[in-house]
ModelCIF file with pLDDT and N, C-alpha, C, O atoms, coordinates in Angstrom:
data_MODEL
#
_entry.id   MODEL 
#
_entity.id                         1 
_entity.type                       polymer 
_entity.pdbx_number_of_molecules   1 
#
_entity_poly.entity_id                      1 
_entity_poly.type                           'polypeptide(L)' 
_entity_poly.nstd_linkage                   no 
_entity_poly.nstd_monomer                   no 
_entity_poly.pdbx_seq_one_letter_code       GEISTNLLRLAQLGAALGVHLVIAGQRVGSDLGPG 
_entity_poly.pdbx_seq_one_letter_code_can   GEISTNLLRLAQLGAALGVHLVIAGQRVGSDLGPG 
_entity_poly.pdbx_strand_id                 A 
#
loop_
_entity_poly_seq.entity_id 
_entity_poly_seq.num 
_entity_poly_seq.mon_id 
_entity_poly_seq.hetero 
1 1  GLY n 
1 2  GLU n 
1 3  ILE n 
1 4  SER n 
1 5  THR n 
1 6  ASN n 
1 7  LEU n 
1 8  LEU n 
1 9  ARG n 
1 10 LEU n 
1 11 ALA n 
1 12 GLN n 
1 13 LEU n 
1 14 GLY n 
1 15 ALA n 
1 16 ALA n 
1 17 LEU n 
1 18 GLY n 
1 19 VAL n 
1 20 HIS n 
1 21 LEU n 
1 22 VAL n 
1 23 ILE n 
1 24 ALA n 
1 25 GLY n 
1 26 GLN n 
1 27 ARG n 
1 28 VAL n 
1 29 GLY n 
1 30 SER n 
1 31 ASP n 
1 32 LEU n 
1 33 GLY n 
1 34 PRO n 
1 35 GLY n 
#
_struct_asym.id          A 
_struct_asym.entity_id   1 
#
loop_
_ma_qa_metric.id 
_ma_qa_metric.mode 
_ma_qa_metric.name 
_ma_qa_metric.software_group_id 
_ma_qa_metric.type 
1 global pLDDT . pLDDT 
2 local  pLDDT . pLDDT 
#
_ma_qa_metric_global.metric_id      1 
_ma_qa_metric_global.metric_value   90.06 
_ma_qa_metric_global.model_id       1 
_ma_qa_metric_global.ordinal_id     1 
#
loop_
_ma_qa_metric_local.label_asym_id 
_ma_qa_metric_local.label_comp_id 
_ma_qa_metric_local.label_seq_id 
_ma_qa_metric_local.metric_id 
_ma_qa_metric_local.metric_value 
_ma_qa_metric_local.model_id 
_ma_qa_metric_local.ordinal_id 
A GLY 1  2 90.00 1 1  
A GLU 2  2 93.00 1 2  
A ILE 3  2 93.00 1 3  
A SER 4  2 93.00 1 4  
A THR 5  2 94.00 1 5  
A ASN 6  2 95.00 1 6  
A LEU 7  2 95.00 1 7  
A LEU 8  2 95.00 1 8  
A ARG 9  2 95.00 1 9  
A LEU 10 2 96.00 1 10 
A ALA 11 2 95.00 1 11 
A GLN 12 2 95.00 1 12 
A LEU 13 2 94.00 1 13 
A GLY 14 2 93.00 1 14 
A ALA 15 2 92.00 1 15 
A ALA 16 2 93.00 1 16 
A LEU 17 2 95.00 1 17 
A GLY 18 2 94.00 1 18 
A VAL 19 2 96.00 1 19 
A HIS 20 2 97.00 1 20 
A LEU 21 2 97.00 1 21 
A VAL 22 2 97.00 1 22 
A ILE 23 2 96.00 1 23 
A ALA 24 2 94.00 1 24 
A GLY 25 2 91.00 1 25 
A GLN 26 2 89.00 1 26 
A ARG 27 2 84.00 1 27 
A VAL 28 2 83.00 1 28 
A GLY 29 2 74.00 1 29 
A SER 30 2 71.00 1 30 
A ASP 31 2 72.00 1 31 
A LEU 32 2 78.00 1 32 
A GLY 33 2 78.00 1 33 
A PRO 34 2 81.00 1 34 
A GLY 35 2 84.00 1 35 
#
loop_
_atom_site.group_PDB 
_atom_site.id 
_atom_site.type_symbol 
_atom_site.label_atom_id 
_atom_site.label_alt_id 
_atom_site.label_comp_id 
_atom_site.label_asym_id 
_atom_site.label_entity_id 
_atom_site.label_seq_id 
_atom_site.pdbx_PDB_ins_code 
_atom_site.Cartn_x 
_atom_site.Cartn_y 
_atom_site.Cartn_z 
_atom_site.occupancy 
_atom_site.B_iso_or_equiv 
_atom_site.pdbx_formal_charge 
_atom_site.auth_seq_id 
_atom_site.auth_comp_id 
_atom_site.auth_asym_id 
_atom_site.auth_atom_id 
_atom_site.pdbx_PDB_model_num 
ATOM 1   N N  . GLY A 1 1  ? 109.536 120.424 69.902 1.00 90.00 ? 1  GLY A N  1 
ATOM 2   C CA . GLY A 1 1  ? 110.715 120.814 70.679 1.00 90.00 ? 1  GLY A CA 1 
ATOM 3   C C  . GLY A 1 1  ? 111.245 122.173 70.267 1.00 90.00 ? 1  GLY A C  1 
ATOM 4   O O  . GLY A 1 1  ? 111.635 122.978 71.113 1.00 90.00 ? 1  GLY A O  1 
ATOM 5   N N  . GLU A 1 2  ? 111.259 122.429 68.959 1.00 93.00 ? 2  GLU A N  1 
ATOM 6   C CA . GLU A 1 2  ? 111.726 123.722 68.466 1.00 93.00 ? 2  GLU A CA 1 
ATOM 7   C C  . GLU A 1 2  ? 110.792 124.846 68.917 1.00 93.00 ? 2  GLU A C  1 
ATOM 8   O O  . GLU A 1 2  ? 111.248 125.904 69.350 1.00 93.00 ? 2  GLU A O  1 
ATOM 9   N N  . ILE A 1 3  ? 109.487 124.610 68.812 1.00 93.00 ? 3  ILE A N  1 
ATOM 10  C CA . ILE A 1 3  ? 108.501 125.614 69.232 1.00 93.00 ? 3  ILE A CA 1 
ATOM 11  C C  . ILE A 1 3  ? 108.630 125.900 70.722 1.00 93.00 ? 3  ILE A C  1 
ATOM 12  O O  . ILE A 1 3  ? 108.630 127.057 71.143 1.00 93.00 ? 3  ILE A O  1 
ATOM 13  N N  . SER A 1 4  ? 108.738 124.836 71.517 1.00 93.00 ? 4  SER A N  1 
ATOM 14  C CA . SER A 1 4  ? 108.847 124.997 72.970 1.00 93.00 ? 4  SER A CA 1 
ATOM 15  C C  . SER A 1 4  ? 110.085 125.808 73.339 1.00 93.00 ? 4  SER A C  1 
ATOM 16  O O  . SER A 1 4  ? 110.022 126.700 74.186 1.00 93.00 ? 4  SER A O  1 
ATOM 17  N N  . THR A 1 5  ? 111.208 125.496 72.701 1.00 94.00 ? 5  THR A N  1 
ATOM 18  C CA . THR A 1 5  ? 112.455 126.217 72.981 1.00 94.00 ? 5  THR A CA 1 
ATOM 19  C C  . THR A 1 5  ? 112.340 127.692 72.604 1.00 94.00 ? 5  THR A C  1 
ATOM 20  O O  . THR A 1 5  ? 112.779 128.560 73.358 1.00 94.00 ? 5  THR A O  1 
ATOM 21  N N  . ASN A 1 6  ? 111.755 127.978 71.450 1.00 95.00 ? 6  ASN A N  1 
ATOM 22  C CA . ASN A 1 6  ? 111.662 129.370 70.995 1.00 95.00 ? 6  ASN A CA 1 
ATOM 23  C C  . ASN A 1 6  ? 110.679 130.176 71.831 1.00 95.00 ? 6  ASN A C  1 
ATOM 24  O O  . ASN A 1 6  ? 110.924 131.351 72.103 1.00 95.00 ? 6  ASN A O  1 
ATOM 25  N N  . LEU A 1 7  ? 109.573 129.568 72.241 1.00 95.00 ? 7  LEU A N  1 
ATOM 26  C CA . LEU A 1 7  ? 108.648 130.272 73.135 1.00 95.00 ? 7  LEU A CA 1 
ATOM 27  C C  . LEU A 1 7  ? 109.336 130.617 74.453 1.00 95.00 ? 7  LEU A C  1 
ATOM 28  O O  . LEU A 1 7  ? 109.190 131.725 74.968 1.00 95.00 ? 7  LEU A O  1 
ATOM 29  N N  . LEU A 1 8  ? 110.080 129.666 74.988 1.00 95.00 ? 8  LEU A N  1 
ATOM 30  C CA . LEU A 1 8  ? 110.783 129.900 76.253 1.00 95.00 ? 8  LEU A CA 1 
ATOM 31  C C  . LEU A 1 8  ? 111.844 130.976 76.094 1.00 95.00 ? 8  LEU A C  1 
ATOM 32  O O  . LEU A 1 8  ? 112.028 131.790 76.999 1.00 95.00 ? 8  LEU A O  1 
ATOM 33  N N  . ARG A 1 9  ? 112.547 131.002 74.969 1.00 95.00 ? 9  ARG A N  1 
ATOM 34  C CA . ARG A 1 9  ? 113.563 132.032 74.731 1.00 95.00 ? 9  ARG A CA 1 
ATOM 35  C C  . ARG A 1 9  ? 112.923 133.412 74.639 1.00 95.00 ? 9  ARG A C  1 
ATOM 36  O O  . ARG A 1 9  ? 113.457 134.383 75.176 1.00 95.00 ? 9  ARG A O  1 
ATOM 37  N N  . LEU A 1 10 ? 111.785 133.502 73.963 1.00 96.00 ? 10 LEU A N  1 
ATOM 38  C CA . LEU A 1 10 ? 111.093 134.796 73.882 1.00 96.00 ? 10 LEU A CA 1 
ATOM 39  C C  . LEU A 1 10 ? 110.659 135.259 75.268 1.00 96.00 ? 10 LEU A C  1 
ATOM 40  O O  . LEU A 1 10 ? 110.741 136.446 75.585 1.00 96.00 ? 10 LEU A O  1 
ATOM 41  N N  . ALA A 1 11 ? 110.199 134.322 76.089 1.00 95.00 ? 11 ALA A N  1 
ATOM 42  C CA . ALA A 1 11 ? 109.762 134.685 77.437 1.00 95.00 ? 11 ALA A CA 1 
ATOM 43  C C  . ALA A 1 11 ? 110.941 135.132 78.293 1.00 95.00 ? 11 ALA A C  1 
ATOM 44  O O  . ALA A 1 11 ? 110.815 136.073 79.077 1.00 95.00 ? 11 ALA A O  1 
ATOM 45  N N  . GLN A 1 12 ? 112.085 134.465 78.150 1.00 95.00 ? 12 GLN A N  1 
ATOM 46  C CA . GLN A 1 12 ? 113.240 134.788 78.983 1.00 95.00 ? 12 GLN A CA 1 
ATOM 47  C C  . GLN A 1 12 ? 113.936 136.070 78.549 1.00 95.00 ? 12 GLN A C  1 
ATOM 48  O O  . GLN A 1 12 ? 114.423 136.831 79.385 1.00 95.00 ? 12 GLN A O  1 
ATOM 49  N N  . LEU A 1 13 ? 113.981 136.308 77.241 1.00 94.00 ? 13 LEU A N  1 
ATOM 50  C CA . LEU A 1 13 ? 114.746 137.437 76.725 1.00 94.00 ? 13 LEU A CA 1 
ATOM 51  C C  . LEU A 1 13 ? 113.890 138.652 76.387 1.00 94.00 ? 13 LEU A C  1 
ATOM 52  O O  . LEU A 1 13 ? 114.392 139.775 76.340 1.00 94.00 ? 13 LEU A O  1 
ATOM 53  N N  . GLY A 1 14 ? 112.608 138.432 76.154 1.00 93.00 ? 14 GLY A N  1 
ATOM 54  C CA . GLY A 1 14 ? 111.796 139.479 75.544 1.00 93.00 ? 14 GLY A CA 1 
ATOM 55  C C  . GLY A 1 14 ? 111.457 140.671 76.410 1.00 93.00 ? 14 GLY A C  1 
ATOM 56  O O  . GLY A 1 14 ? 111.259 141.766 75.884 1.00 93.00 ? 14 GLY A O  1 
ATOM 57  N N  . ALA A 1 15 ? 111.382 140.499 77.721 1.00 92.00 ? 15 ALA A N  1 
ATOM 58  C CA . ALA A 1 15 ? 110.889 141.561 78.587 1.00 92.00 ? 15 ALA A CA 1 
ATOM 59  C C  . ALA A 1 15 ? 111.646 142.871 78.398 1.00 92.00 ? 15 ALA A C  1 
ATOM 60  O O  . ALA A 1 15 ? 111.030 143.930 78.280 1.00 92.00 ? 15 ALA A O  1 
ATOM 61  N N  . ALA A 1 16 ? 112.964 142.810 78.368 1.00 93.00 ? 16 ALA A N  1 
ATOM 62  C CA . ALA A 1 16 ? 113.777 144.024 78.237 1.00 93.00 ? 16 ALA A CA 1 
ATOM 63  C C  . ALA A 1 16 ? 113.910 144.486 76.797 1.00 93.00 ? 16 ALA A C  1 
ATOM 64  O O  . ALA A 1 16 ? 114.399 145.583 76.528 1.00 93.00 ? 16 ALA A O  1 
ATOM 65  N N  . LEU A 1 17 ? 113.470 143.636 75.868 1.00 95.00 ? 17 LEU A N  1 
ATOM 66  C CA . LEU A 1 17 ? 113.683 143.936 74.450 1.00 95.00 ? 17 LEU A CA 1 
ATOM 67  C C  . LEU A 1 17 ? 112.386 144.265 73.720 1.00 95.00 ? 17 LEU A C  1 
ATOM 68  O O  . LEU A 1 17 ? 112.360 144.331 72.491 1.00 95.00 ? 17 LEU A O  1 
ATOM 69  N N  . GLY A 1 18 ? 111.308 144.472 74.478 1.00 94.00 ? 18 GLY A N  1 
ATOM 70  C CA . GLY A 1 18 ? 110.045 144.891 73.871 1.00 94.00 ? 18 GLY A CA 1 
ATOM 71  C C  . GLY A 1 18 ? 109.320 143.788 73.142 1.00 94.00 ? 18 GLY A C  1 
ATOM 72  O O  . GLY A 1 18 ? 108.552 144.066 72.221 1.00 94.00 ? 18 GLY A O  1 
ATOM 73  N N  . VAL A 1 19 ? 109.540 142.534 73.526 1.00 96.00 ? 19 VAL A N  1 
ATOM 74  C CA . VAL A 1 19 ? 108.831 141.396 72.937 1.00 96.00 ? 19 VAL A CA 1 
ATOM 75  C C  . VAL A 1 19 ? 108.030 140.722 74.049 1.00 96.00 ? 19 VAL A C  1 
ATOM 76  O O  . VAL A 1 19 ? 108.599 140.246 75.031 1.00 96.00 ? 19 VAL A O  1 
ATOM 77  N N  . HIS A 1 20 ? 106.709 140.684 73.888 1.00 97.00 ? 20 HIS A N  1 
ATOM 78  C CA . HIS A 1 20 ? 105.819 140.247 74.963 1.00 97.00 ? 20 HIS A CA 1 
ATOM 79  C C  . HIS A 1 20 ? 104.921 139.114 74.486 1.00 97.00 ? 20 HIS A C  1 
ATOM 80  O O  . HIS A 1 20 ? 104.541 139.061 73.316 1.00 97.00 ? 20 HIS A O  1 
ATOM 81  N N  . LEU A 1 21 ? 104.584 138.203 75.405 1.00 97.00 ? 21 LEU A N  1 
ATOM 82  C CA . LEU A 1 21 ? 103.770 137.041 75.087 1.00 97.00 ? 21 LEU A CA 1 
ATOM 83  C C  . LEU A 1 21 ? 102.441 137.086 75.817 1.00 97.00 ? 21 LEU A C  1 
ATOM 84  O O  . LEU A 1 21 ? 102.369 137.486 76.979 1.00 97.00 ? 21 LEU A O  1 
ATOM 85  N N  . VAL A 1 22 ? 101.387 136.670 75.120 1.00 97.00 ? 22 VAL A N  1 
ATOM 86  C CA . VAL A 1 22 ? 100.091 136.384 75.730 1.00 97.00 ? 22 VAL A CA 1 
ATOM 87  C C  . VAL A 1 22 ? 99.780  134.937 75.362 1.00 97.00 ? 22 VAL A C  1 
ATOM 88  O O  . VAL A 1 22 ? 99.482  134.636 74.207 1.00 97.00 ? 22 VAL A O  1 
ATOM 89  N N  . ILE A 1 23 ? 99.851  134.044 76.344 1.00 96.00 ? 23 ILE A N  1 
ATOM 90  C CA . ILE A 1 23 ? 99.631  132.621 76.122 1.00 96.00 ? 23 ILE A CA 1 
ATOM 91  C C  . ILE A 1 23 ? 98.248  132.268 76.643 1.00 96.00 ? 23 ILE A C  1 
ATOM 92  O O  . ILE A 1 23 ? 97.976  132.429 77.832 1.00 96.00 ? 23 ILE A O  1 
ATOM 93  N N  . ALA A 1 24 ? 97.370  131.787 75.766 1.00 94.00 ? 24 ALA A N  1 
ATOM 94  C CA . ALA A 1 24 ? 95.992  131.511 76.144 1.00 94.00 ? 24 ALA A CA 1 
ATOM 95  C C  . ALA A 1 24 ? 95.613  130.082 75.780 1.00 94.00 ? 24 ALA A C  1 
ATOM 96  O O  . ALA A 1 24 ? 96.163  129.499 74.845 1.00 94.00 ? 24 ALA A O  1 
ATOM 97  N N  . GLY A 1 25 ? 94.670  129.529 76.528 1.00 91.00 ? 25 GLY A N  1 
ATOM 98  C CA . GLY A 1 25 ? 94.208  128.180 76.209 1.00 91.00 ? 25 GLY A CA 1 
ATOM 99  C C  . GLY A 1 25 ? 93.101  127.721 77.129 1.00 91.00 ? 25 GLY A C  1 
ATOM 100 O O  . GLY A 1 25 ? 92.939  128.229 78.239 1.00 91.00 ? 25 GLY A O  1 
ATOM 101 N N  . GLN A 1 26 ? 92.337  126.745 76.647 1.00 89.00 ? 26 GLN A N  1 
ATOM 102 C CA . GLN A 1 26 ? 91.299  126.133 77.474 1.00 89.00 ? 26 GLN A CA 1 
ATOM 103 C C  . GLN A 1 26 ? 91.918  125.189 78.495 1.00 89.00 ? 26 GLN A C  1 
ATOM 104 O O  . GLN A 1 26 ? 91.456  125.097 79.633 1.00 89.00 ? 26 GLN A O  1 
ATOM 105 N N  . ARG A 1 27 ? 92.955  124.499 78.081 1.00 84.00 ? 27 ARG A N  1 
ATOM 106 C CA . ARG A 1 27 ? 93.613  123.525 78.947 1.00 84.00 ? 27 ARG A CA 1 
ATOM 107 C C  . ARG A 1 27 ? 95.118  123.733 78.881 1.00 84.00 ? 27 ARG A C  1 
ATOM 108 O O  . ARG A 1 27 ? 95.732  123.575 77.826 1.00 84.00 ? 27 ARG A O  1 
ATOM 109 N N  . VAL A 1 28 ? 95.701  124.087 80.012 1.00 83.00 ? 28 VAL A N  1 
ATOM 110 C CA . VAL A 1 28 ? 97.146  124.284 80.103 1.00 83.00 ? 28 VAL A CA 1 
ATOM 111 C C  . VAL A 1 28 ? 97.614  123.557 81.357 1.00 83.00 ? 28 VAL A C  1 
ATOM 112 O O  . VAL A 1 28 ? 97.607  124.120 82.452 1.00 83.00 ? 28 VAL A O  1 
ATOM 113 N N  . GLY A 1 29 ? 98.019  122.304 81.186 1.00 74.00 ? 29 GLY A N  1 
ATOM 114 C CA . GLY A 1 29 ? 98.415  121.503 82.328 1.00 74.00 ? 29 GLY A CA 1 
ATOM 115 C C  . GLY A 1 29 ? 99.825  120.978 82.205 1.00 74.00 ? 29 GLY A C  1 
ATOM 116 O O  . GLY A 1 29 ? 100.439 121.044 81.140 1.00 74.00 ? 29 GLY A O  1 
ATOM 117 N N  . SER A 1 30 ? 100.329 120.456 83.305 1.00 71.00 ? 30 SER A N  1 
ATOM 118 C CA . SER A 1 30 ? 101.693 119.917 83.312 1.00 71.00 ? 30 SER A CA 1 
ATOM 119 C C  . SER A 1 30 ? 101.807 118.686 82.425 1.00 71.00 ? 30 SER A C  1 
ATOM 120 O O  . SER A 1 30 ? 102.915 118.300 82.053 1.00 71.00 ? 30 SER A O  1 
ATOM 121 N N  . ASP A 1 31 ? 100.664 118.051 82.073 1.00 72.00 ? 31 ASP A N  1 
ATOM 122 C CA . ASP A 1 31 ? 100.700 116.868 81.219 1.00 72.00 ? 31 ASP A CA 1 
ATOM 123 C C  . ASP A 1 31 ? 101.157 117.195 79.800 1.00 72.00 ? 31 ASP A C  1 
ATOM 124 O O  . ASP A 1 31 ? 101.491 116.290 79.036 1.00 72.00 ? 31 ASP A O  1 
ATOM 125 N N  . LEU A 1 32 ? 101.173 118.486 79.438 1.00 78.00 ? 32 LEU A N  1 
ATOM 126 C CA . LEU A 1 32 ? 101.643 118.879 78.118 1.00 78.00 ? 32 LEU A CA 1 
ATOM 127 C C  . LEU A 1 32 ? 103.160 118.807 78.002 1.00 78.00 ? 32 LEU A C  1 
ATOM 128 O O  . LEU A 1 32 ? 103.714 118.917 76.909 1.00 78.00 ? 32 LEU A O  1 
ATOM 129 N N  . GLY A 1 33 ? 103.825 118.621 79.136 1.00 78.00 ? 33 GLY A N  1 
ATOM 130 C CA . GLY A 1 33 ? 105.271 118.456 79.085 1.00 78.00 ? 33 GLY A CA 1 
ATOM 131 C C  . GLY A 1 33 ? 106.017 119.503 79.887 1.00 78.00 ? 33 GLY A C  1 
ATOM 132 O O  . GLY A 1 33 ? 105.440 120.519 80.274 1.00 78.00 ? 33 GLY A O  1 
ATOM 133 N N  . PRO A 1 34 ? 107.293 119.266 80.139 1.00 81.00 ? 34 PRO A N  1 
ATOM 134 C CA . PRO A 1 34 ? 108.093 120.198 80.946 1.00 81.00 ? 34 PRO A CA 1 
ATOM 135 C C  . PRO A 1 34 ? 108.252 121.566 80.287 1.00 81.00 ? 34 PRO A C  1 
ATOM 136 O O  . PRO A 1 34 ? 108.488 122.558 80.977 1.00 81.00 ? 34 PRO A O  1 
ATOM 137 N N  . GLY A 1 35 ? 108.126 121.629 78.956 1.00 84.00 ? 35 GLY A N  1 
ATOM 138 C CA . GLY A 1 35 ? 108.257 122.915 78.280 1.00 84.00 ? 35 GLY A CA 1 
ATOM 139 C C  . GLY A 1 35 ? 107.189 123.894 78.705 1.00 84.00 ? 35 GLY A C  1 
ATOM 140 O O  . GLY A 1 35 ? 107.162 125.026 78.224 1.00 84.00 ? 35 GLY A O  1 
#
């Protein structure tokens, strides 16, 4: 839960602040949860 919240905060706030995400994976589905 903490990881999910912090990743989402970086995604929401980071664009204007020079913090960028590259999220990669073999399997990225909705079954991993709403986060």
